């Protein structure tokens, strides 16, 4: 059965979809297949994440969330959504400085594509990434951080899926704050 994007209006072109649950499985898949695309929460309206060859979905990849309050950082796995991460952070009195407008999208996918956040005074969502782990095309697990690899860091964060499979991210966090969102629905087309 072919899979579709979140809106149901785009059908991916392959039946070759893998659901790895370990880093070792991801490493094996990238070594075995010449062309791979990773799909997250499939919040795309076009073929940018599609492949006629092989897709990897990280839906079954374990994604524990580990907060390091003394460093104002949070580490988490690749399939965590903004809703999941925000709930865990809020319970600890912390927050992300900027959020995606949709709670169900994956944090890793939003950062990899430099998705905009909320408000015209904020940087894109990748701006708070301070580190990541990525499985490269040869299956190697590589850690990249703002401190240790400044010369390649920004290109590794906003990689558009071109460097490999991101398996974890580290984001900067801040103290929790109150905010309200106003959503206008069913407005007349005038």
N, C-alpha and C. Protein backbone atom coordinates (compact mmCIF):
# COMPACT_ATOMS: atom_id res chain seq x y z
N UNK A 1 0.84 -1.18 0.00
CA UNK A 1 0.00 0.00 0.00
C UNK A 1 0.88 1.25 0.00
N UNK A 2 0.63 2.15 -0.90
CA UNK A 2 1.41 3.37 -0.96
C UNK A 2 0.99 4.32 0.15
N UNK A 3 1.94 5.13 0.58
CA UNK A 3 1.64 6.10 1.63
C UNK A 3 1.41 7.47 1.01
N UNK A 4 0.72 8.32 1.77
CA UNK A 4 0.38 9.66 1.30
C UNK A 4 0.91 10.70 2.27
N UNK A 5 0.91 11.94 1.81
CA UNK A 5 1.29 13.03 2.70
C UNK A 5 0.19 13.24 3.74
N UNK A 6 0.43 14.13 4.68
CA UNK A 6 -0.50 14.33 5.80
C UNK A 6 -1.87 14.81 5.33
N UNK A 7 -1.92 15.54 4.23
CA UNK A 7 -3.19 16.07 3.73
C UNK A 7 -3.92 15.07 2.83
N UNK A 8 -3.22 14.01 2.43
CA UNK A 8 -3.84 13.00 1.58
C UNK A 8 -3.89 13.36 0.11
N UNK A 9 -3.24 14.46 -0.28
CA UNK A 9 -3.31 14.88 -1.68
C UNK A 9 -2.06 14.55 -2.49
N UNK A 10 -1.07 13.90 -1.88
CA UNK A 10 0.12 13.47 -2.61
C UNK A 10 0.43 12.03 -2.21
N UNK A 11 0.59 11.17 -3.21
CA UNK A 11 0.91 9.76 -2.96
C UNK A 11 2.36 9.51 -3.34
N UNK A 12 3.13 8.96 -2.41
CA UNK A 12 4.54 8.67 -2.67
C UNK A 12 4.65 7.52 -3.67
N UNK A 13 5.71 7.55 -4.49
CA UNK A 13 5.77 6.69 -5.66
C UNK A 13 6.39 5.32 -5.45
N UNK A 14 6.76 4.97 -4.25
CA UNK A 14 7.38 3.67 -4.03
C UNK A 14 6.62 2.86 -2.98
N UNK A 15 6.73 1.56 -3.10
CA UNK A 15 6.22 0.67 -2.06
C UNK A 15 7.35 0.24 -1.14
N UNK A 16 8.57 0.66 -1.47
CA UNK A 16 9.76 0.26 -0.73
C UNK A 16 10.00 1.25 0.42
N UNK A 17 9.21 1.10 1.48
CA UNK A 17 9.29 1.98 2.64
C UNK A 17 9.77 1.15 3.83
N UNK A 18 10.80 1.64 4.49
CA UNK A 18 11.37 0.95 5.65
C UNK A 18 11.08 1.74 6.92
N UNK A 19 10.91 1.02 8.02
CA UNK A 19 10.59 1.62 9.32
C UNK A 19 11.62 1.16 10.35
N UNK A 20 12.85 1.65 10.28
CA UNK A 20 13.88 1.19 11.22
C UNK A 20 13.58 1.64 12.65
N UNK A 21 14.04 0.82 13.59
CA UNK A 21 13.84 1.17 15.00
C UNK A 21 15.17 1.27 15.76
N UNK A 22 16.29 1.12 15.04
CA UNK A 22 17.61 1.25 15.67
C UNK A 22 18.55 2.00 14.73
N UNK A 23 19.60 2.55 15.29
CA UNK A 23 20.64 3.19 14.47
C UNK A 23 21.27 2.16 13.56
N UNK A 24 21.49 0.95 14.07
CA UNK A 24 22.11 -0.09 13.26
C UNK A 24 21.26 -0.42 12.02
N UNK A 25 19.95 -0.44 12.18
CA UNK A 25 19.08 -0.68 11.02
C UNK A 25 19.18 0.46 10.01
N UNK A 26 19.24 1.69 10.50
CA UNK A 26 19.40 2.84 9.61
C UNK A 26 20.73 2.75 8.87
N UNK A 27 21.79 2.43 9.60
CA UNK A 27 23.11 2.30 8.97
C UNK A 27 23.10 1.22 7.89
N UNK A 28 22.47 0.12 8.17
CA UNK A 28 22.38 -0.97 7.20
C UNK A 28 21.60 -0.54 5.95
N UNK A 29 20.50 0.17 6.16
CA UNK A 29 19.68 0.62 5.02
C UNK A 29 20.45 1.59 4.11
N UNK A 30 21.17 2.54 4.70
CA UNK A 30 21.90 3.49 3.85
C UNK A 30 23.06 2.83 3.13
N UNK A 31 23.62 1.79 3.71
CA UNK A 31 24.69 1.05 3.02
C UNK A 31 24.12 0.20 1.88
N UNK A 32 22.92 -0.34 2.07
CA UNK A 32 22.32 -1.25 1.08
C UNK A 32 21.71 -0.54 -0.12
N UNK A 33 21.24 0.67 0.06
CA UNK A 33 20.48 1.35 -0.99
C UNK A 33 21.23 2.57 -1.51
N UNK A 34 21.26 2.68 -2.82
CA UNK A 34 21.98 3.79 -3.46
C UNK A 34 21.27 5.12 -3.25
N UNK A 35 19.95 5.12 -3.36
CA UNK A 35 19.17 6.34 -3.19
C UNK A 35 18.12 6.14 -2.11
N UNK A 36 18.15 7.04 -1.13
CA UNK A 36 17.19 6.97 -0.02
C UNK A 36 16.70 8.38 0.27
N UNK A 37 15.44 8.48 0.61
CA UNK A 37 14.87 9.72 1.14
C UNK A 37 14.24 9.38 2.48
N UNK A 38 14.32 10.32 3.40
CA UNK A 38 13.68 10.15 4.70
C UNK A 38 12.40 10.97 4.70
N UNK A 39 11.34 10.34 5.18
CA UNK A 39 10.08 11.06 5.34
C UNK A 39 9.78 11.16 6.83
N UNK A 40 9.35 12.31 7.24
CA UNK A 40 9.02 12.53 8.64
C UNK A 40 7.52 12.45 8.82
N UNK A 41 6.93 13.56 9.17
CA UNK A 41 5.48 13.61 9.34
C UNK A 41 4.78 13.93 8.03
N UNK A 42 5.54 13.95 6.95
CA UNK A 42 5.01 14.07 5.58
C UNK A 42 4.21 15.37 5.37
N UNK A 43 4.71 16.45 5.95
CA UNK A 43 4.03 17.73 5.79
C UNK A 43 4.59 18.46 4.57
N UNK A 44 4.36 17.89 3.43
CA UNK A 44 4.81 18.48 2.18
C UNK A 44 3.70 18.29 1.16
N UNK A 45 3.53 19.28 0.32
CA UNK A 45 2.48 19.22 -0.69
C UNK A 45 3.01 18.83 -2.06
N UNK A 46 4.29 18.47 -2.13
CA UNK A 46 4.87 18.14 -3.43
C UNK A 46 5.83 16.96 -3.31
N UNK A 47 6.58 16.73 -4.35
CA UNK A 47 7.43 15.54 -4.43
C UNK A 47 8.81 15.70 -3.82
N UNK A 48 9.08 16.76 -3.09
CA UNK A 48 10.43 17.01 -2.58
C UNK A 48 10.96 15.85 -1.72
N UNK A 49 10.11 15.19 -0.98
CA UNK A 49 10.54 14.08 -0.12
C UNK A 49 10.32 12.72 -0.77
N UNK A 50 9.87 12.70 -1.99
CA UNK A 50 9.54 11.43 -2.65
C UNK A 50 10.78 10.81 -3.29
N UNK A 51 10.70 9.52 -3.51
CA UNK A 51 11.74 8.78 -4.22
C UNK A 51 11.10 7.58 -4.89
N UNK A 52 11.47 7.29 -6.13
CA UNK A 52 10.96 6.07 -6.75
C UNK A 52 11.69 4.84 -6.21
N UNK A 53 12.74 5.05 -5.45
CA UNK A 53 13.56 3.96 -4.96
C UNK A 53 13.17 3.55 -3.53
N UNK A 54 13.78 4.18 -2.54
CA UNK A 54 13.61 3.76 -1.16
C UNK A 54 13.28 4.94 -0.26
N UNK A 55 12.30 4.75 0.61
CA UNK A 55 11.96 5.74 1.62
C UNK A 55 12.22 5.14 2.99
N UNK A 56 12.66 5.98 3.91
CA UNK A 56 12.79 5.59 5.31
C UNK A 56 11.84 6.47 6.10
N UNK A 57 11.00 5.83 6.90
CA UNK A 57 10.15 6.54 7.85
C UNK A 57 10.69 6.26 9.24
N UNK A 58 10.82 7.29 10.03
CA UNK A 58 11.35 7.12 11.39
C UNK A 58 10.24 7.04 12.43
N UNK A 59 9.03 6.68 11.99
CA UNK A 59 7.88 6.56 12.90
C UNK A 59 8.15 5.60 14.05
N UNK A 60 8.91 4.54 13.82
CA UNK A 60 9.15 3.53 14.84
C UNK A 60 10.49 3.70 15.54
N UNK A 61 11.22 4.74 15.20
CA UNK A 61 12.51 4.99 15.81
C UNK A 61 12.29 5.56 17.22
N UNK A 62 12.90 4.95 18.24
CA UNK A 62 12.67 5.44 19.60
C UNK A 62 13.23 6.86 19.77
N UNK A 63 12.48 7.67 20.45
CA UNK A 63 12.86 9.08 20.56
C UNK A 63 12.72 9.59 21.98
N UNK A 64 13.59 9.11 22.87
CA UNK A 64 13.54 9.66 24.23
C UNK A 64 13.93 11.13 24.21
N UNK A 65 13.38 11.85 25.16
CA UNK A 65 13.67 13.28 25.29
C UNK A 65 14.45 13.47 26.59
N UNK A 66 15.67 13.99 26.49
CA UNK A 66 16.52 14.19 27.65
C UNK A 66 16.82 15.68 27.80
N UNK A 67 16.42 16.22 28.93
CA UNK A 67 16.62 17.65 29.18
C UNK A 67 17.89 17.84 30.00
N UNK A 68 18.69 18.81 29.60
CA UNK A 68 19.89 19.21 30.34
C UNK A 68 19.67 20.66 30.79
N UNK A 69 18.93 20.86 31.91
CA UNK A 69 18.55 22.22 32.32
C UNK A 69 19.75 23.11 32.65
N UNK A 70 20.82 22.52 33.18
CA UNK A 70 21.99 23.31 33.54
C UNK A 70 22.68 23.90 32.31
N UNK A 71 22.45 23.29 31.15
CA UNK A 71 23.04 23.78 29.90
C UNK A 71 22.00 24.43 28.99
N UNK A 72 20.75 24.49 29.46
CA UNK A 72 19.64 25.02 28.65
C UNK A 72 19.55 24.34 27.29
N UNK A 73 19.61 22.98 27.33
CA UNK A 73 19.55 22.19 26.11
C UNK A 73 18.63 20.99 26.29
N UNK A 74 18.12 20.49 25.17
CA UNK A 74 17.32 19.27 25.16
C UNK A 74 17.80 18.40 24.01
N UNK A 75 17.97 17.11 24.28
CA UNK A 75 18.38 16.12 23.29
C UNK A 75 17.21 15.19 23.04
N UNK A 76 16.94 14.88 21.78
CA UNK A 76 15.81 14.00 21.47
C UNK A 76 16.02 13.31 20.13
N UNK A 77 15.26 12.24 19.94
CA UNK A 77 15.35 11.44 18.73
C UNK A 77 14.57 12.03 17.57
N UNK A 78 14.76 11.43 16.42
CA UNK A 78 14.34 12.00 15.14
C UNK A 78 12.85 12.09 14.90
N UNK A 79 12.02 11.35 15.59
CA UNK A 79 10.59 11.42 15.24
C UNK A 79 9.75 12.23 16.21
N UNK A 80 10.38 13.03 17.03
CA UNK A 80 9.66 13.86 18.00
C UNK A 80 8.99 15.04 17.29
N UNK A 81 7.73 15.28 17.65
CA UNK A 81 7.00 16.42 17.08
C UNK A 81 7.11 17.62 18.02
N UNK A 82 6.73 18.78 17.51
CA UNK A 82 6.73 19.98 18.35
C UNK A 82 5.77 19.84 19.52
N UNK A 83 4.64 19.20 19.32
CA UNK A 83 3.68 19.00 20.42
C UNK A 83 4.29 18.15 21.52
N UNK A 84 4.92 17.04 21.15
CA UNK A 84 5.53 16.16 22.15
C UNK A 84 6.64 16.88 22.91
N UNK A 85 7.51 17.54 22.19
CA UNK A 85 8.64 18.21 22.82
C UNK A 85 8.17 19.35 23.72
N UNK A 86 7.21 20.12 23.27
CA UNK A 86 6.71 21.25 24.06
C UNK A 86 6.09 20.81 25.37
N UNK A 87 5.34 19.71 25.34
CA UNK A 87 4.73 19.19 26.58
C UNK A 87 5.79 18.79 27.60
N UNK A 88 6.81 18.08 27.15
CA UNK A 88 7.87 17.63 28.06
C UNK A 88 8.64 18.83 28.62
N UNK A 89 8.97 19.76 27.77
CA UNK A 89 9.69 20.95 28.23
C UNK A 89 8.86 21.77 29.21
N UNK A 90 7.59 21.98 28.89
CA UNK A 90 6.71 22.77 29.76
C UNK A 90 6.61 22.16 31.16
N UNK A 91 6.55 20.84 31.23
CA UNK A 91 6.47 20.16 32.53
C UNK A 91 7.71 20.43 33.38
N UNK A 92 8.81 20.81 32.74
CA UNK A 92 10.06 21.11 33.45
C UNK A 92 10.32 22.62 33.55
N UNK A 93 9.31 23.42 33.20
CA UNK A 93 9.46 24.87 33.28
C UNK A 93 10.31 25.46 32.16
N UNK A 94 10.38 24.75 31.04
CA UNK A 94 11.19 25.19 29.91
C UNK A 94 10.35 25.31 28.65
N UNK A 95 10.93 25.91 27.63
CA UNK A 95 10.22 26.08 26.36
C UNK A 95 11.23 26.24 25.23
N UNK A 96 10.73 26.14 24.02
CA UNK A 96 11.50 26.52 22.84
C UNK A 96 11.23 28.00 22.59
N UNK A 97 12.23 28.71 22.15
CA UNK A 97 12.07 30.15 21.88
C UNK A 97 11.06 30.41 20.77
N UNK A 98 10.99 29.50 19.81
CA UNK A 98 10.17 29.68 18.62
C UNK A 98 9.54 28.34 18.26
N UNK A 99 8.31 28.36 17.84
CA UNK A 99 7.61 27.11 17.51
C UNK A 99 7.10 27.13 16.08
N UNK A 100 6.93 25.93 15.55
CA UNK A 100 6.25 25.79 14.27
C UNK A 100 4.78 26.13 14.47
N UNK A 101 4.13 26.55 13.41
CA UNK A 101 2.71 26.88 13.55
C UNK A 101 1.83 25.65 13.66
N UNK A 102 2.37 24.49 13.28
CA UNK A 102 1.61 23.24 13.36
C UNK A 102 2.29 22.31 14.36
N UNK A 103 1.56 21.82 15.35
CA UNK A 103 2.18 21.02 16.41
C UNK A 103 2.57 19.61 15.99
N UNK A 104 2.01 19.09 14.91
CA UNK A 104 2.22 17.69 14.55
C UNK A 104 3.43 17.45 13.65
N UNK A 105 4.16 18.48 13.27
CA UNK A 105 5.31 18.25 12.39
C UNK A 105 6.54 17.88 13.20
N UNK A 106 7.45 17.12 12.58
CA UNK A 106 8.65 16.67 13.28
C UNK A 106 9.64 17.83 13.40
N UNK A 107 10.29 17.89 14.54
CA UNK A 107 11.26 18.94 14.79
C UNK A 107 12.46 18.79 13.85
N UNK A 108 12.93 17.55 13.69
CA UNK A 108 14.08 17.31 12.82
C UNK A 108 13.78 17.74 11.38
N UNK A 109 12.61 17.39 10.88
CA UNK A 109 12.25 17.77 9.51
C UNK A 109 12.12 19.27 9.34
N UNK A 110 11.53 19.93 10.32
CA UNK A 110 11.37 21.38 10.25
C UNK A 110 12.72 22.09 10.26
N UNK A 111 13.65 21.58 11.07
CA UNK A 111 14.98 22.19 11.12
C UNK A 111 15.77 21.90 9.84
N UNK A 112 15.67 20.68 9.33
CA UNK A 112 16.41 20.30 8.12
C UNK A 112 16.00 21.12 6.91
N UNK A 113 14.79 21.64 6.93
CA UNK A 113 14.29 22.42 5.79
C UNK A 113 14.20 23.92 6.10
N UNK A 114 14.75 24.34 7.23
CA UNK A 114 14.74 25.75 7.63
C UNK A 114 13.33 26.33 7.62
N UNK A 115 12.40 25.57 8.15
CA UNK A 115 11.00 26.00 8.21
C UNK A 115 10.88 27.26 9.07
N UNK A 116 10.00 28.15 8.64
CA UNK A 116 9.78 29.38 9.41
C UNK A 116 9.09 29.04 10.72
N UNK A 117 9.27 29.89 11.68
CA UNK A 117 8.60 29.72 12.96
C UNK A 117 7.44 30.68 13.06
N UNK A 118 7.15 31.07 14.28
CA UNK A 118 6.02 31.95 14.53
C UNK A 118 6.52 33.36 14.77
N UNK A 119 6.07 34.28 13.97
CA UNK A 119 6.45 35.67 14.15
C UNK A 119 7.51 36.13 13.17
N UNK A 120 7.40 37.34 12.73
CA UNK A 120 8.35 37.86 11.75
C UNK A 120 9.64 38.40 12.38
N UNK A 121 9.74 38.35 13.69
CA UNK A 121 10.95 38.80 14.36
C UNK A 121 11.85 37.63 14.77
N UNK A 122 11.43 36.41 14.48
CA UNK A 122 12.20 35.23 14.86
C UNK A 122 12.95 34.67 13.66
N UNK A 123 14.05 33.99 13.96
CA UNK A 123 14.79 33.28 12.93
C UNK A 123 14.01 32.01 12.57
N UNK A 124 14.51 31.26 11.58
CA UNK A 124 13.84 30.00 11.26
C UNK A 124 14.06 28.99 12.39
N UNK A 125 13.36 27.87 12.32
CA UNK A 125 13.36 26.90 13.42
C UNK A 125 14.72 26.23 13.63
N UNK A 126 15.57 26.23 12.63
CA UNK A 126 16.89 25.61 12.76
C UNK A 126 17.86 26.45 13.59
N UNK A 127 17.52 27.69 13.88
CA UNK A 127 18.43 28.60 14.58
C UNK A 127 18.78 28.13 15.98
N UNK A 128 17.92 27.33 16.61
CA UNK A 128 18.21 26.88 17.98
C UNK A 128 18.91 25.53 18.05
N UNK A 129 19.20 24.94 16.91
CA UNK A 129 19.93 23.66 16.91
C UNK A 129 21.36 23.92 17.36
N UNK A 130 21.82 23.15 18.34
CA UNK A 130 23.21 23.28 18.77
C UNK A 130 24.01 22.02 18.50
N UNK A 131 23.32 20.94 18.10
CA UNK A 131 24.03 19.71 17.77
C UNK A 131 23.11 18.70 17.11
N UNK A 132 23.71 17.75 16.41
CA UNK A 132 22.93 16.69 15.78
C UNK A 132 23.80 15.47 15.56
N UNK A 133 23.14 14.32 15.46
CA UNK A 133 23.78 13.07 15.06
C UNK A 133 23.17 12.66 13.74
N UNK A 134 24.03 12.30 12.79
CA UNK A 134 23.57 11.95 11.46
C UNK A 134 24.26 10.69 10.97
N UNK A 135 23.49 9.80 10.36
CA UNK A 135 24.05 8.63 9.70
C UNK A 135 24.31 9.05 8.26
N UNK A 136 25.59 9.05 7.87
CA UNK A 136 25.97 9.50 6.54
C UNK A 136 25.76 8.40 5.50
N UNK A 137 25.99 8.73 4.25
CA UNK A 137 25.74 7.80 3.14
C UNK A 137 26.55 6.51 3.24
N UNK A 138 27.69 6.55 3.91
CA UNK A 138 28.48 5.32 4.07
C UNK A 138 28.13 4.56 5.35
N UNK A 139 27.11 5.04 6.07
CA UNK A 139 26.66 4.35 7.28
C UNK A 139 27.33 4.80 8.55
N UNK A 140 28.22 5.77 8.46
CA UNK A 140 28.93 6.26 9.64
C UNK A 140 28.02 7.17 10.46
N UNK A 141 28.06 7.02 11.79
CA UNK A 141 27.33 7.90 12.70
C UNK A 141 28.24 9.07 13.06
N UNK A 142 27.84 10.28 12.69
CA UNK A 142 28.67 11.47 12.88
C UNK A 142 27.94 12.45 13.79
N UNK A 143 28.68 13.00 14.75
CA UNK A 143 28.15 14.05 15.62
C UNK A 143 28.67 15.39 15.12
N UNK A 144 27.78 16.35 15.00
CA UNK A 144 28.15 17.70 14.58
C UNK A 144 27.57 18.67 15.61
N UNK A 145 28.38 19.64 16.04
CA UNK A 145 27.86 20.61 16.99
C UNK A 145 28.37 22.01 16.66
N UNK A 146 27.65 22.98 17.17
CA UNK A 146 28.00 24.38 16.96
C UNK A 146 29.41 24.67 17.51
N UNK A 147 29.77 24.05 18.64
CA UNK A 147 31.05 24.30 19.27
C UNK A 147 32.19 23.53 18.61
N UNK A 148 31.97 22.26 18.28
CA UNK A 148 33.06 21.42 17.80
C UNK A 148 33.29 21.51 16.29
N UNK A 149 32.28 21.85 15.51
CA UNK A 149 32.40 21.86 14.05
C UNK A 149 31.82 23.15 13.46
N UNK A 150 32.24 24.31 13.91
CA UNK A 150 31.59 25.55 13.44
C UNK A 150 31.70 25.75 11.93
N UNK A 151 32.74 25.20 11.31
CA UNK A 151 32.94 25.41 9.88
C UNK A 151 31.93 24.67 9.00
N UNK A 152 31.33 23.60 9.53
CA UNK A 152 30.34 22.84 8.75
C UNK A 152 28.97 22.82 9.39
N UNK A 153 28.87 23.42 10.56
CA UNK A 153 27.66 23.26 11.37
C UNK A 153 26.39 23.73 10.67
N UNK A 154 26.36 24.95 10.20
CA UNK A 154 25.12 25.49 9.63
C UNK A 154 24.67 24.71 8.40
N UNK A 155 25.60 24.28 7.57
CA UNK A 155 25.24 23.47 6.41
C UNK A 155 24.75 22.09 6.80
N UNK A 156 25.22 21.58 7.92
CA UNK A 156 24.76 20.27 8.39
C UNK A 156 23.36 20.36 8.98
N UNK A 157 23.04 21.47 9.61
CA UNK A 157 21.72 21.62 10.23
C UNK A 157 20.64 21.74 9.17
N UNK A 158 20.80 22.67 8.25
CA UNK A 158 19.83 22.85 7.16
C UNK A 158 20.38 22.09 5.95
N UNK A 159 20.19 20.79 5.97
CA UNK A 159 20.81 19.90 4.98
C UNK A 159 19.84 19.42 3.91
N UNK A 160 18.56 19.71 4.08
CA UNK A 160 17.53 19.33 3.11
C UNK A 160 17.56 17.84 2.77
N UNK A 161 18.05 17.03 3.70
CA UNK A 161 18.09 15.58 3.48
C UNK A 161 19.27 15.13 2.64
N UNK A 162 20.17 16.03 2.29
CA UNK A 162 21.26 15.69 1.40
C UNK A 162 22.49 15.09 2.04
N UNK A 163 22.57 15.06 3.36
CA UNK A 163 23.77 14.55 4.02
C UNK A 163 23.60 13.18 4.64
N UNK A 164 22.38 12.72 4.80
CA UNK A 164 22.15 11.44 5.45
C UNK A 164 20.88 11.47 6.26
N UNK A 165 20.84 10.62 7.27
CA UNK A 165 19.65 10.48 8.11
C UNK A 165 19.96 11.03 9.50
N UNK A 166 19.31 12.12 9.87
CA UNK A 166 19.50 12.68 11.21
C UNK A 166 18.74 11.80 12.20
N UNK A 167 19.45 11.34 13.23
CA UNK A 167 18.82 10.46 14.22
C UNK A 167 18.56 11.16 15.55
N UNK A 168 19.22 12.29 15.79
CA UNK A 168 18.92 13.06 17.01
C UNK A 168 19.34 14.51 16.83
N UNK A 169 18.72 15.36 17.63
CA UNK A 169 19.02 16.79 17.63
C UNK A 169 19.23 17.26 19.06
N UNK A 170 20.01 18.32 19.20
CA UNK A 170 20.11 19.05 20.46
C UNK A 170 19.66 20.48 20.16
N UNK A 171 18.69 20.96 20.92
CA UNK A 171 18.19 22.32 20.76
C UNK A 171 18.45 23.13 22.01
N UNK A 172 18.65 24.43 21.84
CA UNK A 172 18.70 25.36 22.96
C UNK A 172 17.28 25.57 23.46
N UNK A 173 17.12 25.69 24.77
CA UNK A 173 15.81 25.95 25.36
C UNK A 173 15.89 27.19 26.24
N UNK A 174 14.74 27.69 26.64
CA UNK A 174 14.67 28.87 27.49
C UNK A 174 13.63 28.62 28.58
N UNK A 175 13.56 29.50 29.58
CA UNK A 175 12.51 29.35 30.59
C UNK A 175 11.12 29.44 29.95
N UNK A 176 10.18 28.70 30.51
CA UNK A 176 8.81 28.69 29.98
C UNK A 176 8.20 30.09 30.05
N UNK A 177 7.31 30.36 29.12
CA UNK A 177 6.63 31.65 29.07
C UNK A 177 5.22 31.42 28.56
N UNK A 178 4.36 32.37 28.80
CA UNK A 178 2.96 32.28 28.36
C UNK A 178 2.80 32.97 27.02
N UNK A 179 2.00 32.37 26.18
CA UNK A 179 1.72 32.94 24.87
C UNK A 179 0.34 32.46 24.42
N UNK A 180 -0.30 33.23 23.60
CA UNK A 180 -1.61 32.84 23.07
C UNK A 180 -1.56 32.84 21.56
N UNK A 181 -2.32 31.95 20.97
CA UNK A 181 -2.43 31.90 19.51
C UNK A 181 -3.88 32.14 19.13
N UNK A 182 -4.07 32.98 18.15
CA UNK A 182 -5.40 33.24 17.64
C UNK A 182 -5.48 32.66 16.24
N UNK A 183 -6.46 31.79 16.02
CA UNK A 183 -6.65 31.17 14.71
C UNK A 183 -8.01 31.59 14.17
N UNK A 184 -8.00 32.16 13.00
CA UNK A 184 -9.24 32.57 12.36
C UNK A 184 -9.62 31.51 11.33
N UNK A 185 -10.75 30.88 11.52
CA UNK A 185 -11.21 29.85 10.60
C UNK A 185 -12.51 30.29 9.93
N UNK A 186 -12.77 29.67 8.81
CA UNK A 186 -14.02 29.87 8.08
C UNK A 186 -14.30 31.33 7.76
N UNK A 187 -13.26 32.05 7.39
CA UNK A 187 -13.43 33.44 7.00
C UNK A 187 -14.03 33.51 5.60
N UNK A 188 -14.86 34.48 5.36
CA UNK A 188 -15.45 34.59 4.01
C UNK A 188 -14.37 34.99 2.99
N UNK A 189 -14.49 34.45 1.81
CA UNK A 189 -13.58 34.83 0.74
C UNK A 189 -14.15 36.10 0.11
N UNK A 190 -13.45 37.19 0.30
CA UNK A 190 -14.01 38.47 -0.17
C UNK A 190 -13.17 39.08 -1.24
